[in-house]
Amino acid sequence: MACPYAMQMHDALPEPTVDVLVAGAGLNGLTAALLLARAGATVAVADPSPAETLAHPDYDWRTTAVAQGAMRLLKDVGAWDAAWRDGAIRDIRIVDGASPLFLHYDGAALGEGDLGCIVPNASLRARLYAAAAAHPAIRLYLGTGIDRFESGAAAVDAGLADGRAIRARLLIGADGRNSPTRIAAGIPERTIDYKQTSIVATAAHERPHRGVALERFLPGGPFAVLPLPDAADRDAAPWPHRSSIVWTDAAPLAAHLLGLDRPDFDRELARRFGDHCGQVRSIGPIGAFPIKLVLALRMTGRRLALIGDAARAIHPIAGQGFNLGLRDSAELADAIGRQLALGLDPGAPDLLARYQAARLADAASLVAATDGVNRLFSTDFRPARHARRLGLAAVQATPPLKRLFMRHAMGLAGRAATLAGKTPV
């Protein structure tokens, strides 16, 4: 079967049309475009989905965890909605099964504001799309993806599915874990099938969550309860309070759960949810997503950079996928802005080498952490169970270590803090 992007072009344009062409108008692609435009680049974004689809509230009913550092970046590019604060994460509780030992992250303890927010994907995409559409340095090519591209010495020549051509100095692959851009560039990847499935749903409950996010580790995988804003028709809804559920379990058991009728499914949901919010039931659609680690062995190619899930798709255990991708975009935009200010090439090999080196430690540590934590907690082997419970208790009892972990979770540690516009502590 032919590759979706044939690496050839016959009608190359004589001069670059834009500085950067972004493949993909998802959350990472649109955010990258806004950050690049803020840095002084001219940007084109191409995606096969039409604008009407991307803006439709049912296009993606899932939610995204946006850490404090990412919140600051979204505010900087005009894509933040103050109403999302109703889904703020003020506290995180991490529990191993039914153990009385737990790890508690209290956002107020750091004095940095909320730990993060849980944002509906449709709302986030709509704000990003509106900001990108209004920006004079960004051109949107929606309803027509990149059909082929050729990376040359001076530029990337890309042909769109509708016959138009774009020449750019740099191509960014922001087209997801199955990235056609990565495949066409011949960048190999490593894949690990966790043989787990994440069930994603919305829960209605009778008592408020008070901004507490709960992650309960069970033998089949983590069960996360994430705070959402109350129902819009709060006075009419019998249970007006809402939480997003990300329920990961072994694939066979997840298939069984998904086959249950709604009352039986809700009984299983309530068993894992606990009684801290009173009675609970699922509302709206229920989705299922197989869990795999997809790791590109390189983040760059000739006049090419990968960001977000196109570079690596990690386990959702820590809810850090979007935040990690956003730091890719911020790092790349920072490097390109400096390059353009000096009148230099934004797709130069030395810039791409620096970008890959800068992102390596952050990405590798998070890949290793999510993979290792999932393996450690997704077992009922007694010595492992005792070790991890003692580990949680030890971190809880060591305030400096807990504060460090909290800063990492908020995207306010090390280089991530600098990218978010804050001096690292």
Foldseek 3Di string as FASTA:
>chain_A
DDQQAAQDDDDFDPDAPWAEEEFDLALLRLLLCLLLVVLPTQYEYEYQAAPVLLLDCPNAQFKAWQFQLNQLSCVVSQLDDPVQCLQFAQKEWEAEAPDPFIFIDGNVVVVSPTRTGIGGRSSSSNSSVVSQVPDPRYHYHYSWGFRYWHFDPQWIWTAIPVGDIGTHLAYEFPPAQVTSVCVNLVFDKDKDFPQKKKKKFKKFFAAEPVNYWYWYFDLFGIKIWGFGHFAPVQVPDNRGGMTIITDMGRNVVVVVLVPDDQVVNLVVVDVVVDQPRHRMGTDDDMDMDGDMWIAGPFQADRSYGYFFSNHIDAGCSLSCRVVLRSVLSLLLSVLQSVQVVVVHRSSDPVSRVVSRVVSVVVVVVVRCVRVVVRVLRNRVPPVSSVVVSVVRNVCNVDVVSVVVVSCVSNLCADVSVVSSVHDHD
